[in-house]
């Protein structure tokens, strides 16, 4: 099963960005969504940002993933 994870963009450098997930910093590609900015929440799948989402929705999803010990 494939799952996209919400992450917050904390740095951006052209077509790549660094995101935070529970205090862990991950590098992702913005090739599919170059309009993403620092502070945005994105769904990350296979190392690519594939969708923007609002902070409330991201936090709710992260909370559910933590409850089932996925993250």
N, C-alpha and C. Protein backbone atom coordinates (compact mmCIF):
# COMPACT_ATOMS: atom_id res chain seq x y z
N UNK A 1 0.84 -1.18 0.00
CA UNK A 1 0.00 0.00 0.00
C UNK A 1 0.88 1.24 0.00
N UNK A 2 0.51 2.22 -0.78
CA UNK A 2 1.24 3.49 -0.85
C UNK A 2 0.48 4.53 -0.04
N UNK A 3 1.24 5.36 0.63
CA UNK A 3 0.62 6.37 1.47
C UNK A 3 1.38 7.68 1.33
N UNK A 4 0.66 8.76 1.08
CA UNK A 4 1.26 10.09 1.07
C UNK A 4 1.21 10.66 2.47
N UNK A 5 2.28 11.30 2.89
CA UNK A 5 2.41 11.83 4.24
C UNK A 5 2.44 13.36 4.21
N UNK A 6 1.65 14.02 5.08
CA UNK A 6 1.73 15.48 5.15
C UNK A 6 3.04 15.92 5.81
N UNK A 7 3.68 16.90 5.20
CA UNK A 7 4.92 17.45 5.75
C UNK A 7 4.90 18.96 5.58
N UNK A 8 5.59 19.65 6.48
CA UNK A 8 5.70 21.11 6.40
C UNK A 8 7.02 21.48 5.75
N UNK A 9 6.96 22.33 4.74
CA UNK A 9 8.16 22.80 4.04
C UNK A 9 8.89 23.80 4.94
N UNK A 10 10.15 23.51 5.24
CA UNK A 10 10.92 24.39 6.12
C UNK A 10 12.05 25.11 5.39
N UNK A 11 12.45 24.60 4.22
CA UNK A 11 13.46 25.24 3.37
C UNK A 11 13.13 24.93 1.93
N UNK A 12 13.47 25.86 1.04
CA UNK A 12 13.25 25.63 -0.39
C UNK A 12 14.47 26.11 -1.15
N UNK A 13 14.89 25.28 -2.13
CA UNK A 13 16.03 25.62 -2.97
C UNK A 13 15.71 25.14 -4.39
N UNK A 14 15.10 26.01 -5.16
CA UNK A 14 14.74 25.64 -6.53
C UNK A 14 13.69 24.55 -6.56
N UNK A 15 14.04 23.41 -7.18
CA UNK A 15 13.09 22.30 -7.31
C UNK A 15 13.20 21.29 -6.18
N UNK A 16 13.94 21.62 -5.13
CA UNK A 16 13.99 20.73 -3.97
C UNK A 16 13.64 21.51 -2.72
N UNK A 17 13.21 20.77 -1.73
CA UNK A 17 12.83 21.40 -0.46
C UNK A 17 13.19 20.45 0.67
N UNK A 18 13.26 21.01 1.85
CA UNK A 18 13.42 20.20 3.05
C UNK A 18 12.14 20.36 3.86
N UNK A 19 11.63 19.24 4.33
CA UNK A 19 10.39 19.22 5.08
C UNK A 19 10.62 18.63 6.45
N UNK A 20 9.75 18.98 7.38
CA UNK A 20 9.80 18.46 8.74
C UNK A 20 8.69 17.43 8.93
N UNK A 21 9.07 16.31 9.53
CA UNK A 21 8.10 15.29 9.91
C UNK A 21 8.49 14.81 11.30
N UNK A 22 7.81 15.33 12.30
CA UNK A 22 8.08 14.92 13.68
C UNK A 22 9.49 15.20 14.14
N UNK A 23 10.07 16.30 13.67
CA UNK A 23 11.42 16.67 14.07
C UNK A 23 12.49 16.09 13.16
N UNK A 24 12.11 15.28 12.20
CA UNK A 24 13.04 14.71 11.24
C UNK A 24 12.99 15.51 9.95
N UNK A 25 14.15 15.88 9.43
CA UNK A 25 14.24 16.69 8.23
C UNK A 25 14.42 15.77 7.01
N UNK A 26 13.55 15.94 6.01
CA UNK A 26 13.59 15.10 4.80
C UNK A 26 13.70 15.99 3.57
N UNK A 27 14.51 15.55 2.60
CA UNK A 27 14.60 16.26 1.33
C UNK A 27 13.54 15.70 0.38
N UNK A 28 12.82 16.60 -0.30
CA UNK A 28 11.81 16.18 -1.26
C UNK A 28 11.97 16.96 -2.55
N UNK A 29 11.33 16.48 -3.59
CA UNK A 29 11.34 17.16 -4.88
C UNK A 29 10.08 18.00 -5.05
N UNK A 30 10.26 19.19 -5.63
CA UNK A 30 9.13 20.07 -5.94
C UNK A 30 8.90 20.15 -7.45
N UNK A 31 9.45 19.20 -8.21
CA UNK A 31 9.31 19.24 -9.66
C UNK A 31 7.86 19.23 -10.11
N UNK A 32 6.98 18.58 -9.35
CA UNK A 32 5.57 18.52 -9.71
C UNK A 32 4.77 19.71 -9.17
N UNK A 33 5.35 20.45 -8.21
CA UNK A 33 4.64 21.57 -7.58
C UNK A 33 5.62 22.71 -7.27
N UNK A 34 6.16 23.35 -8.29
CA UNK A 34 7.16 24.40 -8.05
C UNK A 34 6.61 25.63 -7.32
N UNK A 35 5.29 25.77 -7.24
CA UNK A 35 4.68 26.94 -6.58
C UNK A 35 4.69 26.84 -5.05
N UNK A 36 5.07 25.71 -4.50
CA UNK A 36 5.09 25.52 -3.05
C UNK A 36 6.11 26.46 -2.42
N UNK A 37 5.76 27.02 -1.27
CA UNK A 37 6.62 27.96 -0.55
C UNK A 37 6.92 27.45 0.86
N UNK A 38 7.95 28.02 1.48
CA UNK A 38 8.28 27.69 2.87
C UNK A 38 7.06 27.99 3.74
N UNK A 39 6.74 27.07 4.62
CA UNK A 39 5.58 27.22 5.50
C UNK A 39 4.37 26.44 5.03
N UNK A 40 4.35 26.07 3.75
CA UNK A 40 3.24 25.29 3.21
C UNK A 40 3.30 23.85 3.72
N UNK A 41 2.15 23.24 3.81
CA UNK A 41 2.06 21.80 4.07
C UNK A 41 1.77 21.11 2.75
N UNK A 42 2.46 20.01 2.50
CA UNK A 42 2.28 19.24 1.27
C UNK A 42 2.14 17.76 1.60
N UNK A 43 1.46 17.06 0.70
CA UNK A 43 1.44 15.61 0.77
C UNK A 43 2.66 15.12 0.00
N UNK A 44 3.47 14.28 0.63
CA UNK A 44 4.68 13.76 0.01
C UNK A 44 4.49 12.27 -0.27
N UNK A 45 4.74 11.90 -1.51
CA UNK A 45 4.66 10.49 -1.91
C UNK A 45 5.88 10.18 -2.77
N UNK A 46 6.60 9.14 -2.40
CA UNK A 46 7.78 8.70 -3.15
C UNK A 46 8.80 9.83 -3.35
N UNK A 47 8.90 10.71 -2.35
CA UNK A 47 9.88 11.78 -2.40
C UNK A 47 9.45 13.03 -3.15
N UNK A 48 8.20 13.07 -3.63
CA UNK A 48 7.69 14.20 -4.38
C UNK A 48 6.52 14.84 -3.66
N UNK A 49 6.47 16.17 -3.66
CA UNK A 49 5.28 16.89 -3.20
C UNK A 49 4.23 16.72 -4.29
N UNK A 50 3.05 16.22 -3.90
CA UNK A 50 2.02 15.96 -4.91
C UNK A 50 0.75 16.79 -4.71
N UNK A 51 0.63 17.42 -3.53
CA UNK A 51 -0.58 18.22 -3.26
C UNK A 51 -0.33 19.13 -2.08
N UNK A 52 -0.85 20.37 -2.15
CA UNK A 52 -0.82 21.27 -1.00
C UNK A 52 -2.07 21.02 -0.17
N UNK A 53 -1.95 21.25 1.14
CA UNK A 53 -3.12 21.18 2.00
C UNK A 53 -2.97 22.21 3.11
N UNK A 54 -4.10 22.55 3.75
CA UNK A 54 -4.03 23.57 4.79
C UNK A 54 -3.51 22.95 6.09
N UNK A 55 -3.04 23.82 6.97
CA UNK A 55 -2.41 23.40 8.21
C UNK A 55 -3.33 22.54 9.07
N UNK A 56 -4.59 22.92 9.17
CA UNK A 56 -5.53 22.17 10.01
C UNK A 56 -5.70 20.73 9.51
N UNK A 57 -5.86 20.59 8.21
CA UNK A 57 -6.01 19.25 7.63
C UNK A 57 -4.74 18.43 7.81
N UNK A 58 -3.58 19.06 7.64
CA UNK A 58 -2.31 18.36 7.81
C UNK A 58 -2.15 17.88 9.25
N UNK A 59 -2.42 18.75 10.22
CA UNK A 59 -2.28 18.39 11.63
C UNK A 59 -3.24 17.26 12.02
N UNK A 60 -4.46 17.31 11.49
CA UNK A 60 -5.44 16.26 11.79
C UNK A 60 -4.98 14.91 11.23
N UNK A 61 -4.45 14.92 10.02
CA UNK A 61 -3.95 13.69 9.41
C UNK A 61 -2.75 13.15 10.17
N UNK A 62 -1.82 14.02 10.54
CA UNK A 62 -0.65 13.59 11.31
C UNK A 62 -1.05 13.00 12.65
N UNK A 63 -2.05 13.60 13.29
CA UNK A 63 -2.54 13.09 14.57
C UNK A 63 -3.06 11.66 14.40
N UNK A 64 -3.84 11.43 13.35
CA UNK A 64 -4.37 10.08 13.10
C UNK A 64 -3.26 9.07 12.82
N UNK A 65 -2.25 9.49 12.05
CA UNK A 65 -1.15 8.59 11.75
C UNK A 65 -0.36 8.23 13.01
N UNK A 66 -0.22 9.19 13.92
CA UNK A 66 0.46 8.92 15.19
C UNK A 66 -0.35 7.96 16.05
N UNK A 67 -1.68 8.10 16.02
CA UNK A 67 -2.54 7.23 16.83
C UNK A 67 -2.43 5.76 16.42
N UNK A 68 -2.17 5.51 15.15
CA UNK A 68 -2.04 4.12 14.69
C UNK A 68 -0.56 3.72 14.57
N UNK A 69 0.30 4.53 15.17
CA UNK A 69 1.73 4.26 15.23
C UNK A 69 2.38 4.13 13.85
N UNK A 70 1.87 4.88 12.87
CA UNK A 70 2.48 4.86 11.54
C UNK A 70 3.70 5.77 11.50
N UNK A 71 3.63 6.87 12.26
CA UNK A 71 4.78 7.77 12.32
C UNK A 71 5.16 8.00 13.76
